[in-house]
PDB file of N, CA and C in Angstrom:
ATOM      1  N   MET A   1     101.125 116.774  93.255  1.00  0.00           N
ATOM      2  CA  MET A   1     101.218 116.651  91.744  1.00  0.00           C
ATOM      3  C   MET A   1     101.754 117.658  90.713  1.00  0.00           C
ATOM      4  N   GLY A   2     101.784 118.969  91.427  1.00  0.00           N
ATOM      5  CA  GLY A   2     102.396 120.090  90.679  1.00  0.00           C
ATOM      6  C   GLY A   2     101.419 121.123  90.390  1.00  0.00           C
ATOM      7  N   ASP A   3     101.882 122.201  89.924  1.00  0.00           N
ATOM      8  CA  ASP A   3     101.065 123.207  89.680  1.00  0.00           C
ATOM      9  C   ASP A   3     100.023 123.008  88.472  1.00  0.00           C
ATOM     10  N   ALA A   4      98.936 123.543  88.402  1.00  0.00           N
ATOM     11  CA  ALA A   4      97.906 123.370  87.300  1.00  0.00           C
ATOM     12  C   ALA A   4      98.424 124.262  86.313  1.00  0.00           C
ATOM     13  N   HIS A   5      98.288 123.958  85.011  1.00  0.00           N
ATOM     14  CA  HIS A   5      98.503 124.864  83.698  1.00  0.00           C
ATOM     15  C   HIS A   5      97.101 124.990  83.291  1.00  0.00           C
ATOM     16  N   PRO A   6      96.916 126.378  82.807  1.00  0.00           N
ATOM     17  CA  PRO A   6      95.383 126.515  82.079  1.00  0.00           C
ATOM     18  C   PRO A   6      95.264 125.573  80.859  1.00  0.00           C
ATOM     19  N   ILE A   7      94.044 125.380  80.813  1.00  0.00           N
ATOM     20  CA  ILE A   7      93.719 124.305  79.556  1.00  0.00           C
ATOM     21  C   ILE A   7      92.489 125.392  78.924  1.00  0.00           C
ATOM     22  N   GLU A   8      92.243 125.365  77.810  1.00  0.00           N
ATOM     23  CA  GLU A   8      91.255 126.132  77.077  1.00  0.00           C
ATOM     24  C   GLU A   8      90.055 125.561  77.445  1.00  0.00           C
ATOM     25  N   VAL A   9      88.838 126.392  77.731  1.00  0.00           N
ATOM     26  CA  VAL A   9      87.742 126.099  78.355  1.00  0.00           C
ATOM     27  C   VAL A   9      87.047 125.197  77.511  1.00  0.00           C
ATOM     28  N   ASP A  10      86.867 125.347  76.196  1.00  0.00           N
ATOM     29  CA  ASP A  10      86.330 124.204  75.166  1.00  0.00           C
ATOM     30  C   ASP A  10      86.825 122.996  75.536  1.00  0.00           C
ATOM     31  N   THR A  11      88.248 123.085  75.456  1.00  0.00           N
ATOM     32  CA  THR A  11      89.004 121.500  75.414  1.00  0.00           C
ATOM     33  C   THR A  11      88.444 121.045  76.821  1.00  0.00           C
ATOM     34  N   LEU A  12      88.707 121.770  77.917  1.00  0.00           N
ATOM     35  CA  LEU A  12      88.273 121.182  79.302  1.00  0.00           C
ATOM     36  C   LEU A  12      86.948 120.718  79.317  1.00  0.00           C
ATOM     37  N   ASP A  13      85.946 121.344  78.792  1.00  0.00           N
ATOM     38  CA  ASP A  13      84.514 120.830  78.932  1.00  0.00           C
ATOM     39  C   ASP A  13      84.366 119.557  78.103  1.00  0.00           C
ATOM     40  N   ILE A  14      85.097 119.573  76.951  1.00  0.00           N
ATOM     41  CA  ILE A  14      84.976 118.174  76.088  1.00  0.00           C
ATOM     42  C   ILE A  14      85.537 117.078  76.617  1.00  0.00           C
ATOM     43  N   LEU A  15      86.731 117.281  77.433  1.00  0.00           N
ATOM     44  CA  LEU A  15      87.401 116.357  78.281  1.00  0.00           C
ATOM     45  C   LEU A  15      86.790 116.014  79.306  1.00  0.00           C
ATOM     46  N   LYS A  16      86.099 116.798  80.152  1.00  0.00           N
ATOM     47  CA  LYS A  16      85.258 116.545  81.216  1.00  0.00           C
ATOM     48  C   LYS A  16      83.953 115.498  80.792  1.00  0.00           C
ATOM     49  N   SER A  17      83.542 115.843  79.732  1.00  0.00           N
ATOM     50  CA  SER A  17      82.562 115.220  79.080  1.00  0.00           C
ATOM     51  C   SER A  17      82.673 113.739  78.876  1.00  0.00           C
ATOM     52  N   LYS A  18      83.960 113.480  78.250  1.00  0.00           N
ATOM     53  CA  LYS A  18      84.375 112.217  77.783  1.00  0.00           C
ATOM     54  C   LYS A  18      84.875 111.530  79.035  1.00  0.00           C
ATOM     55  N   ILE A  19      85.299 112.018  80.082  1.00  0.00           N
ATOM     56  CA  ILE A  19      85.475 111.304  81.282  1.00  0.00           C
ATOM     57  C   ILE A  19      84.237 110.796  81.915  1.00  0.00           C
ATOM     58  N   THR A  20      83.394 111.855  81.928  1.00  0.00           N
ATOM     59  CA  THR A  20      82.018 111.510  82.587  1.00  0.00           C
ATOM     60  C   THR A  20      81.286 110.250  81.905  1.00  0.00           C
ATOM     61  N   LYS A  21      81.500 110.284  80.546  1.00  0.00           N
ATOM     62  CA  LYS A  21      80.877 109.084  79.849  1.00  0.00           C
ATOM     63  C   LYS A  21      81.781 107.746  79.983  1.00  0.00           C
ATOM     64  N   ALA A  22      82.913 107.927  79.968  1.00  0.00           N
ATOM     65  CA  ALA A  22      83.788 106.613  80.272  1.00  0.00           C
ATOM     66  C   ALA A  22      83.561 105.955  81.816  1.00  0.00           C
ATOM     67  N   VAL A  23      83.454 107.013  82.841  1.00  0.00           N
ATOM     68  CA  VAL A  23      82.910 106.529  84.092  1.00  0.00           C
ATOM     69  C   VAL A  23      81.799 105.796  84.185  1.00  0.00           C
ATOM     70  N   LYS A  24      80.635 106.477  83.641  1.00  0.00           N
ATOM     71  CA  LYS A  24      79.476 105.688  83.352  1.00  0.00           C
ATOM     72  C   LYS A  24      79.491 104.306  82.652  1.00  0.00           C
ATOM     73  N   ALA A  25      80.338 104.188  81.543  1.00  0.00           N
ATOM     74  CA  ALA A  25      80.320 103.043  80.765  1.00  0.00           C
ATOM     75  C   ALA A  25      81.132 101.954  81.551  1.00  0.00           C
ATOM     76  N   SER A  26      81.924 102.532  82.537  1.00  0.00           N
ATOM     77  CA  SER A  26      82.767 101.477  83.415  1.00  0.00           C
ATOM     78  C   SER A  26      81.631 100.831  84.491  1.00  0.00           C
ATOM     79  N   GLY A  27      80.584 101.232  84.413  1.00  0.00           N
ATOM     80  CA  GLY A  27      79.568 100.678  85.460  1.00  0.00           C
ATOM     81  C   GLY A  27      79.252 101.515  86.695  1.00  0.00           C
ATOM     82  N   ILE A  28      79.969 102.734  86.967  1.00  0.00           N
ATOM     83  CA  ILE A  28      79.992 103.596  88.043  1.00  0.00           C
ATOM     84  C   ILE A  28      78.522 104.466  87.804  1.00  0.00           C
ATOM     85  N   SER A  29      77.329 104.194  88.599  1.00  0.00           N
ATOM     86  CA  SER A  29      76.223 104.825  88.271  1.00  0.00           C
ATOM     87  C   SER A  29      76.126 106.096  89.141  1.00  0.00           C
ATOM     88  N   SER A  30      76.870 106.414  90.156  1.00  0.00           N
ATOM     89  CA  SER A  30      76.953 107.735  90.805  1.00  0.00           C
ATOM     90  C   SER A  30      77.192 108.746  89.848  1.00  0.00           C
ATOM     91  N   GLU A  31      76.595 109.754  90.070  1.00  0.00           N
ATOM     92  CA  GLU A  31      76.735 111.261  89.395  1.00  0.00           C
ATOM     93  C   GLU A  31      78.195 111.607  89.777  1.00  0.00           C
ATOM     94  N   VAL A  32      78.739 112.243  88.893  1.00  0.00           N
ATOM     95  CA  VAL A  32      80.137 112.839  89.209  1.00  0.00           C
ATOM     96  C   VAL A  32      80.090 114.186  89.606  1.00  0.00           C
ATOM     97  N   ALA A  33      80.511 114.177  90.763  1.00  0.00           N
ATOM     98  CA  ALA A  33      80.718 115.655  91.714  1.00  0.00           C
ATOM     99  C   ALA A  33      81.530 116.544  91.128  1.00  0.00           C
ATOM    100  N   GLU A  34      82.662 116.256  90.817  1.00  0.00           N
ATOM    101  CA  GLU A  34      83.753 116.969  90.470  1.00  0.00           C
ATOM    102  C   GLU A  34      84.759 116.436  89.643  1.00  0.00           C
ATOM    103  N   ILE A  35      85.322 116.930  88.594  1.00  0.00           N
ATOM    104  CA  ILE A  35      86.531 116.584  87.993  1.00  0.00           C
ATOM    105  C   ILE A  35      87.658 117.509  87.875  1.00  0.00           C
ATOM    106  N   THR A  36      88.642 117.211  88.629  1.00  0.00           N
ATOM    107  CA  THR A  36      89.820 118.198  88.533  1.00  0.00           C
ATOM    108  C   THR A  36      90.749 117.805  87.709  1.00  0.00           C
ATOM    109  N   ILE A  37      91.351 118.785  86.802  1.00  0.00           N
ATOM    110  CA  ILE A  37      92.294 118.264  85.637  1.00  0.00           C
ATOM    111  C   ILE A  37      93.478 119.119  86.015  1.00  0.00           C
ATOM    112  N   ILE A  38      94.594 118.317  86.060  1.00  0.00           N
ATOM    113  CA  ILE A  38      95.932 119.004  86.347  1.00  0.00           C
ATOM    114  C   ILE A  38      96.841 118.586  85.228  1.00  0.00           C
ATOM    115  N   GLU A  39      97.452 119.672  84.638  1.00  0.00           N
ATOM    116  CA  GLU A  39      98.518 119.225  83.712  1.00  0.00           C
ATOM    117  C   GLU A  39      99.889 119.309  84.293  1.00  0.00           C
ATOM    118  N   PRO A  40     100.405 118.104  84.475  1.00  0.00           N
ATOM    119  CA  PRO A  40     101.558 118.035  85.308  1.00  0.00           C
ATOM    120  C   PRO A  40     102.800 118.917  84.568  1.00  0.00           C
ATOM    121  N   PRO A  41     103.351 119.784  85.414  1.00  0.00           N
ATOM    122  CA  PRO A  41     104.555 120.558  84.549  1.00  0.00           C
ATOM    123  C   PRO A  41     105.702 119.733  84.237  1.00  0.00           C
ATOM    124  N   GLU A  42     106.140 118.668  84.974  1.00  0.00           N
ATOM    125  CA  GLU A  42     107.247 117.601  84.519  1.00  0.00           C
ATOM    126  C   GLU A  42     106.878 116.924  83.449  1.00  0.00           C
ATOM    127  N   LEU A  43     105.658 116.891  83.036  1.00  0.00           N
ATOM    128  CA  LEU A  43     105.513 116.137  81.487  1.00  0.00           C
ATOM    129  C   LEU A  43     104.961 117.225  80.387  1.00  0.00           C
ATOM    130  N   LYS A  44     105.010 118.352  80.951  1.00  0.00           N
ATOM    131  CA  LYS A  44     104.847 119.676  79.922  1.00  0.00           C
ATOM    132  C   LYS A  44     105.854 119.493  78.658  1.00  0.00           C
ATOM    133  N   GLY A  45     105.422 119.362  77.454  1.00  0.00           N
ATOM    134  CA  GLY A  45     106.424 119.326  76.379  1.00  0.00           C
ATOM    135  C   GLY A  45     107.120 118.180  76.073  1.00  0.00           C
ATOM    136  N   GLU A  46     106.774 117.152  76.814  1.00  0.00           N
ATOM    137  CA  GLU A  46     107.412 115.944  76.641  1.00  0.00           C
ATOM    138  C   GLU A  46     107.114 115.033  75.472  1.00  0.00           C
ATOM    139  N   HIS A  47     105.945 115.120  74.997  1.00  0.00           N
ATOM    140  CA  HIS A  47     105.425 114.363  73.975  1.00  0.00           C
ATOM    141  C   HIS A  47     105.119 115.182  72.519  1.00  0.00           C
ATOM    142  N   PHE A  48     105.470 114.617  71.525  1.00  0.00           N
ATOM    143  CA  PHE A  48     105.328 115.249  70.309  1.00  0.00           C
ATOM    144  C   PHE A  48     103.646 115.328  69.791  1.00  0.00           C
ATOM    145  N   ALA A  49     103.075 114.332  70.006  1.00  0.00           N
ATOM    146  CA  ALA A  49     101.680 114.278  69.435  1.00  0.00           C
ATOM    147  C   ALA A  49     100.516 114.588  70.339  1.00  0.00           C
ATOM    148  N   THR A  50     100.779 114.295  71.638  1.00  0.00           N
ATOM    149  CA  THR A  50      99.659 114.562  72.685  1.00  0.00           C
ATOM    150  C   THR A  50     100.061 115.370  73.927  1.00  0.00           C
ATOM    151  N   GLU A  51      99.332 115.483  74.657  1.00  0.00           N
ATOM    152  CA  GLU A  51      99.394 116.127  75.952  1.00  0.00           C
ATOM    153  C   GLU A  51      99.051 114.967  76.990  1.00  0.00           C
ATOM    154  N   THR A  52      99.649 115.030  78.261  1.00  0.00           N
ATOM    155  CA  THR A  52      99.327 114.270  79.355  1.00  0.00           C
ATOM    156  C   THR A  52      98.517 115.163  80.625  1.00  0.00           C
ATOM    157  N   VAL A  53      97.336 114.616  81.005  1.00  0.00           N
ATOM    158  CA  VAL A  53      96.890 115.258  81.937  1.00  0.00           C
ATOM    159  C   VAL A  53      96.428 114.279  83.204  1.00  0.00           C
ATOM    160  N   TYR A  54      96.286 114.593  84.195  1.00  0.00           N
ATOM    161  CA  TYR A  54      95.670 113.950  85.420  1.00  0.00           C
ATOM    162  C   TYR A  54      94.238 114.289  85.623  1.00  0.00           C
ATOM    163  N   ALA A  55      93.518 113.404  85.799  1.00  0.00           N
ATOM    164  CA  ALA A  55      91.965 113.666  86.209  1.00  0.00           C
ATOM    165  C   ALA A  55      91.647 113.142  87.416  1.00  0.00           C
ATOM    166  N   LYS A  56      91.184 113.806  88.492  1.00  0.00           N
ATOM    167  CA  LYS A  56      90.874 113.424  89.583  1.00  0.00           C
ATOM    168  C   LYS A  56      89.165 113.398  89.791  1.00  0.00           C
ATOM    169  N   ILE A  57      88.605 112.504  89.917  1.00  0.00           N
ATOM    170  CA  ILE A  57      87.180 112.382  89.887  1.00  0.00           C
ATOM    171  C   ILE A  57      86.579 112.135  91.169  1.00  0.00           C
ATOM    172  N   ARG A  58      85.657 112.867  91.629  1.00  0.00           N
ATOM    173  CA  ARG A  58      84.831 112.697  92.965  1.00  0.00           C
ATOM    174  C   ARG A  58      83.426 112.614  92.675  1.00  0.00           C
ATOM    175  N   PHE A  59      82.832 111.343  93.257  1.00  0.00           N
ATOM    176  CA  PHE A  59      81.543 111.282  93.018  1.00  0.00           C
ATOM    177  C   PHE A  59      80.565 111.655  94.231  1.00  0.00           C
ATOM    178  N   ASN A  60      79.276 111.919  93.816  1.00  0.00           N
ATOM    179  CA  ASN A  60      78.086 112.508  94.795  1.00  0.00           C
ATOM    180  C   ASN A  60      77.993 111.339  95.951  1.00  0.00           C
ATOM    181  N   ASP A  61      78.199 110.044  95.547  1.00  0.00           N
ATOM    182  CA  ASP A  61      78.099 109.017  96.486  1.00  0.00           C
ATOM    183  C   ASP A  61      79.277 108.858  97.157  1.00  0.00           C
ATOM    184  N   SER A  62      79.448 109.206  98.504  1.00  0.00           N
ATOM    185  CA  SER A  62      80.824 109.237  98.955  1.00  0.00           C
ATOM    186  C   SER A  62      81.144 107.772  99.528  1.00  0.00           C
ATOM    187  N   SER A  63      80.373 106.842  99.209  1.00  0.00           N
ATOM    188  CA  SER A  63      81.018 105.555  99.562  1.00  0.00           C
ATOM    189  C   SER A  63      81.723 104.892  98.345  1.00  0.00           C
ATOM    190  N   ILE A  64      81.752 105.719  97.222  1.00  0.00           N
ATOM    191  CA  ILE A  64      82.618 105.517  96.063  1.00  0.00           C
ATOM    192  C   ILE A  64      83.887 106.117  96.169  1.00  0.00           C
ATOM    193  N   LYS A  65      85.043 105.355  96.157  1.00  0.00           N
ATOM    194  CA  LYS A  65      86.261 106.121  96.226  1.00  0.00           C
ATOM    195  C   LYS A  65      86.633 106.850  94.896  1.00  0.00           C
ATOM    196  N   GLU A  66      87.167 108.130  95.156  1.00  0.00           N
ATOM    197  CA  GLU A  66      87.573 108.759  94.027  1.00  0.00           C
ATOM    198  C   GLU A  66      88.556 108.219  93.322  1.00  0.00           C
ATOM    199  N   LYS A  67      88.495 108.518  92.052  1.00  0.00           N
ATOM    200  CA  LYS A  67      89.227 107.946  90.943  1.00  0.00           C
ATOM    201  C   LYS A  67      90.398 108.803  90.412  1.00  0.00           C
ATOM    202  N   ASN A  68      91.396 108.522  90.059  1.00  0.00           N
ATOM    203  CA  ASN A  68      92.380 109.110  89.621  1.00  0.00           C
ATOM    204  C   ASN A  68      92.901 108.376  88.284  1.00  0.00           C
ATOM    205  N   LEU A  69      92.726 109.359  87.166  1.00  0.00           N
ATOM    206  CA  LEU A  69      93.040 108.884  85.868  1.00  0.00           C
ATOM    207  C   LEU A  69      94.413 109.742  84.980  1.00  0.00           C
ATOM    208  N   PHE A  70      94.979 108.876  84.382  1.00  0.00           N
ATOM    209  CA  PHE A  70      96.195 109.343  83.446  1.00  0.00           C
ATOM    210  C   PHE A  70      95.445 109.563  82.098  1.00  0.00           C
ATOM    211  N   VAL A  71      95.457 110.652  81.683  1.00  0.00           N
ATOM    212  CA  VAL A  71      94.754 110.961  80.342  1.00  0.00           C
ATOM    213  C   VAL A  71      95.752 111.479  79.427  1.00  0.00           C
ATOM    214  N   LYS A  72      95.643 110.984  78.211  1.00  0.00           N
ATOM    215  CA  LYS A  72      96.516 111.297  77.126  1.00  0.00           C
ATOM    216  C   LYS A  72      95.387 112.024  76.039  1.00  0.00           C
ATOM    217  N   LYS A  73      95.698 113.212  75.651  1.00  0.00           N
ATOM    218  CA  LYS A  73      94.696 114.066  74.868  1.00  0.00           C
ATOM    219  C   LYS A  73      95.475 114.648  73.826  1.00  0.00           C
ATOM    220  N   PHE A  74      94.915 114.958  72.785  1.00  0.00           N
ATOM    221  CA  PHE A  74      95.527 115.895  71.699  1.00  0.00           C
ATOM    222  C   PHE A  74      95.653 117.413  72.185  1.00  0.00           C
ATOM    223  N   GLY A  75      96.622 118.085  71.955  1.00  0.00           N
ATOM    224  CA  GLY A  75      96.873 119.482  72.202  1.00  0.00           C
ATOM    225  C   GLY A  75      95.838 120.429  71.972  1.00  0.00           C
ATOM    226  N   SER A  76      95.842 121.530  72.263  1.00  0.00           N
ATOM    227  CA  SER A  76      94.908 122.777  72.001  1.00  0.00           C
ATOM    228  C   SER A  76      94.891 123.577  70.920  1.00  0.00           C
ATOM    229  N   ASN A  77      96.290 123.087  69.975  1.00  0.00           N
ATOM    230  CA  ASN A  77      96.563 123.630  68.934  1.00  0.00           C
ATOM    231  C   ASN A  77      95.949 123.016  67.779  1.00  0.00           C
ATOM    232  N   SER A  78      94.911 123.541  67.242  1.00  0.00           N
ATOM    233  CA  SER A  78      94.296 122.759  66.195  1.00  0.00           C
ATOM    234  C   SER A  78      94.997 122.320  64.665  1.00  0.00           C
ATOM    235  N   LEU A  79      95.765 123.170  64.461  1.00  0.00           N
ATOM    236  CA  LEU A  79      96.794 123.088  63.334  1.00  0.00           C
ATOM    237  C   LEU A  79      97.556 121.919  63.602  1.00  0.00           C
ATOM    238  N   HIS A  80      98.180 121.793  64.717  1.00  0.00           N
ATOM    239  CA  HIS A  80      99.108 120.697  65.191  1.00  0.00           C
ATOM    240  C   HIS A  80      98.448 119.453  65.280  1.00  0.00           C
ATOM    241  N   THR A  81      96.966 119.407  65.929  1.00  0.00           N
ATOM    242  CA  THR A  81      96.177 118.231  66.061  1.00  0.00           C
ATOM    243  C   THR A  81      95.997 117.684  64.795  1.00  0.00           C
ATOM    244  N   GLU A  82      95.444 118.351  63.817  1.00  0.00           N
ATOM    245  CA  GLU A  82      95.275 117.934  62.361  1.00  0.00           C
ATOM    246  C   GLU A  82      96.267 117.397  61.739  1.00  0.00           C
ATOM    247  N   MET A  83      97.503 117.945  61.869  1.00  0.00           N
ATOM    248  CA  MET A  83      98.642 117.524  61.198  1.00  0.00           C
ATOM    249  C   MET A  83      99.036 115.868  61.834  1.00  0.00           C
ATOM    250  N   VAL A  84      98.769 115.939  63.166  1.00  0.00           N
ATOM    251  CA  VAL A  84      99.112 114.640  63.792  1.00  0.00           C
ATOM    252  C   VAL A  84      98.018 113.514  63.268  1.00  0.00           C
ATOM    253  N   LYS A  85      96.851 114.057  63.106  1.00  0.00           N
ATOM    254  CA  LYS A  85      95.730 113.001  62.719  1.00  0.00           C
ATOM    255  C   LYS A  85      96.041 112.609  61.315  1.00  0.00           C
ATOM    256  N   LYS A  86      96.561 113.439  60.304  1.00  0.00           N
ATOM    257  CA  LYS A  86      96.816 113.162  59.088  1.00  0.00           C
ATOM    258  C   LYS A  86      98.208 112.215  58.983  1.00  0.00           C
ATOM    259  N   MET A  87      99.143 112.438  59.875  1.00  0.00           N
ATOM    260  CA  MET A  87     100.221 111.598  60.097  1.00  0.00           C
ATOM    261  C   MET A  87      99.897 110.027  60.309  1.00  0.00           C
ATOM    262  N   LYS A  88      98.765 109.970  61.245  1.00  0.00           N
ATOM    263  CA  LYS A  88      98.219 108.739  61.471  1.00  0.00           C
ATOM    264  C   LYS A  88      97.716 107.939  60.319  1.00  0.00           C
ATOM    265  N   VAL A  89      96.984 108.923  59.539  1.00  0.00           N
ATOM    266  CA  VAL A  89      96.424 108.142  58.502  1.00  0.00           C
ATOM    267  C   VAL A  89      97.655 107.845  57.517  1.00  0.00           C
ATOM    268  N   MET A  90      98.877 108.477  57.366  1.00  0.00           N
ATOM    269  CA  MET A  90      99.762 107.976  56.638  1.00  0.00           C
ATOM    270  C   MET A  90     100.452 106.616  57.145  1.00  0.00           C
ATOM    271  N   GLU A  91     100.367 106.533  58.524  1.00  0.00           N
ATOM    272  CA  GLU A  91     100.885 105.279  59.056  1.00  0.00           C
ATOM    273  C   GLU A  91      99.966 104.083  58.715  1.00  0.00           C
ATOM    274  N   LYS A  92      98.691 104.463  58.643  1.00  0.00           N
ATOM    275  CA  LYS A  92      97.948 103.323  58.307  1.00  0.00           C
ATOM    276  C   LYS A  92      97.914 102.955  56.891  1.00  0.00           C
ATOM    277  N   GLU A  93      98.166 104.025  55.968  1.00  0.00           N
ATOM    278  CA  GLU A  93      98.555 103.659  54.550  1.00  0.00           C
ATOM    279  C   GLU A  93      99.842 102.940  54.371  1.00  0.00           C
ATOM    280  N   ALA A  94     100.827 103.303  55.133  1.00  0.00           N
ATOM    281  CA  ALA A  94     101.923 102.507  55.177  1.00  0.00           C
ATOM    282  C   ALA A  94     101.851 101.324  55.524  1.00  0.00           C
ATOM    283  N   GLY A  95     101.119 100.975  56.501  1.00  0.00           N
ATOM    284  CA  GLY A  95     101.064  99.628  57.048  1.00  0.00           C
ATOM    285  C   GLY A  95     100.119  98.894  55.962  1.00  0.00           C
ATOM    286  N   PHE A  96      99.398  99.386  55.270  1.00  0.00           N
ATOM    287  CA  PHE A  96      98.675  98.710  54.012  1.00  0.00           C
ATOM    288  C   PHE A  96      99.614  98.130  53.070  1.00  0.00           C
ATOM    289  N   PHE A  97     100.578  99.153  52.685  1.00  0.00           N
ATOM    290  CA  PHE A  97     101.760  98.650  51.587  1.00  0.00           C
ATOM    291  C   PHE A  97     102.692  97.717  52.132  1.00  0.00           C
ATOM    292  N   ILE A  98     102.814  98.008  53.539  1.00  0.00           N
ATOM    293  CA  ILE A  98     104.035  97.196  54.171  1.00  0.00           C
ATOM    294  C   ILE A  98     103.438  95.698  54.330  1.00  0.00           C
ATOM    295  N   GLU A  99     102.356  95.503  54.961  1.00  0.00           N
ATOM    296  CA  GLU A  99     101.799  94.362  55.395  1.00  0.00           C
ATOM    297  C   GLU A  99     100.792  93.646  54.455  1.00  0.00           C
ATOM    298  N   PHE A 100      99.744  94.239  53.801  1.00  0.00           N
ATOM    299  CA  PHE A 100      98.742  93.593  53.386  1.00  0.00           C
ATOM    300  C   PHE A 100      99.166  93.320  51.813  1.00  0.00           C
ATOM    301  N   LEU A 101      99.860  94.250  51.090  1.00  0.00           N
ATOM    302  CA  LEU A 101     100.195  94.026  49.703  1.00  0.00           C
ATOM    303  C   LEU A 101     101.050  92.825  49.362  1.00  0.00           C
ATOM    304  N   PRO A 102     102.215  92.657  50.453  1.00  0.00           N
ATOM    305  CA  PRO A 102     102.962  91.266  50.385  1.00  0.00           C
ATOM    306  C   PRO A 102     102.227  90.048  50.407  1.00  0.00           C
ATOM    307  N   LEU A 103     101.323  90.196  51.518  1.00  0.00           N
ATOM    308  CA  LEU A 103     100.464  88.810  51.687  1.00  0.00           C
ATOM    309  C   LEU A 103      99.470  88.722  50.664  1.00  0.00           C
ATOM    310  N   ALA A 104      98.951  89.761  49.894  1.00  0.00           N
ATOM    311  CA  ALA A 104      97.997  89.651  48.773  1.00  0.00           C
ATOM    312  C   ALA A 104      98.985  89.040  47.589  1.00  0.00           C
ATOM    313  N   ARG A 105      99.965  89.582  47.556  1.00  0.00           N
ATOM    314  CA  ARG A 105     100.857  88.915  46.255  1.00  0.00           C
ATOM    315  C   ARG A 105     101.172  87.586  46.540  1.00  0.00           C
ATOM    316  N   ASN A 106     101.539  86.956  47.699  1.00  0.00           N
ATOM    317  CA  ASN A 106     101.993  85.802  47.856  1.00  0.00           C
ATOM    318  C   ASN A 106     100.575  84.643  47.577  1.00  0.00           C
ATOM    319  N   PHE A 107      99.591  85.340  48.205  1.00  0.00           N
ATOM    320  CA  PHE A 107      98.230  84.523  47.999  1.00  0.00           C
ATOM    321  C   PHE A 107      97.796  84.401  46.613  1.00  0.00           C
ATOM    322  N   CYS A 108      98.189  85.620  45.813  1.00  0.00           N
ATOM    323  CA  CYS A 108      97.826  85.415  44.374  1.00  0.00           C
ATOM    324  C   CYS A 108      98.801  84.514  43.553  1.00  0.00           C
ATOM    325  N   LYS A 109     100.021  84.358  44.034  1.00  0.00           N
ATOM    326  CA  LYS A 109     101.054  83.456  43.364  1.00  0.00           C
ATOM    327  C   LYS A 109     100.620  81.944  43.457  1.00  0.00           C
ATOM    328  N   ARG A 110      99.713  81.745  44.477  1.00  0.00           N
ATOM    329  CA  ARG A 110      99.282  80.340  44.368  1.00  0.00           C
ATOM    330  C   ARG A 110      98.147  79.750  43.307  1.00  0.00           C
ATOM    331  N   PHE A 111      97.764  80.927  42.573  1.00  0.00           N
ATOM    332  CA  PHE A 111      96.862  80.585  41.629  1.00  0.00           C
ATOM    333  C   PHE A 111      97.295  81.086  40.187  1.00  0.00           C
ATOM    334  N   PRO A 112      97.259  80.144  39.316  1.00  0.00           N
ATOM    335  CA  PRO A 112      97.861  80.521  37.934  1.00  0.00           C
ATOM    336  C   PRO A 112      97.098  81.379  37.027  1.00  0.00           C
ATOM    337  N   GLY A 113      97.516  82.589  36.426  1.00  0.00           N
ATOM    338  CA  GLY A 113      96.744  83.303  35.671  1.00  0.00           C
ATOM    339  C   GLY A 113      96.337  84.427  36.287  1.00  0.00           C
TER     340      GLY A 113
END
């Protein structure tokens, strides 16, 4: 897969916690023994808004095959992450004006006054 790049400890702990919750929500009851996170160097810097990591999950129950996940996450730069989140809000607002308002106007035209 490539060399691992360092991820901030807080971000790593949050990511591992979310992966563990997702595994349990998918119906796997075995405890997670280990999660290995790898930031593939070939995908470093390829995305504007997010980062890509691979997560290899090994379980305490050896009869359960280990899982490999492709994970998209926000970057560790909090200012950049906040900007991206605001941009998504603007996208939603733009969607409102582009999609909803014309439909509402057409609906209202059907009723006089």
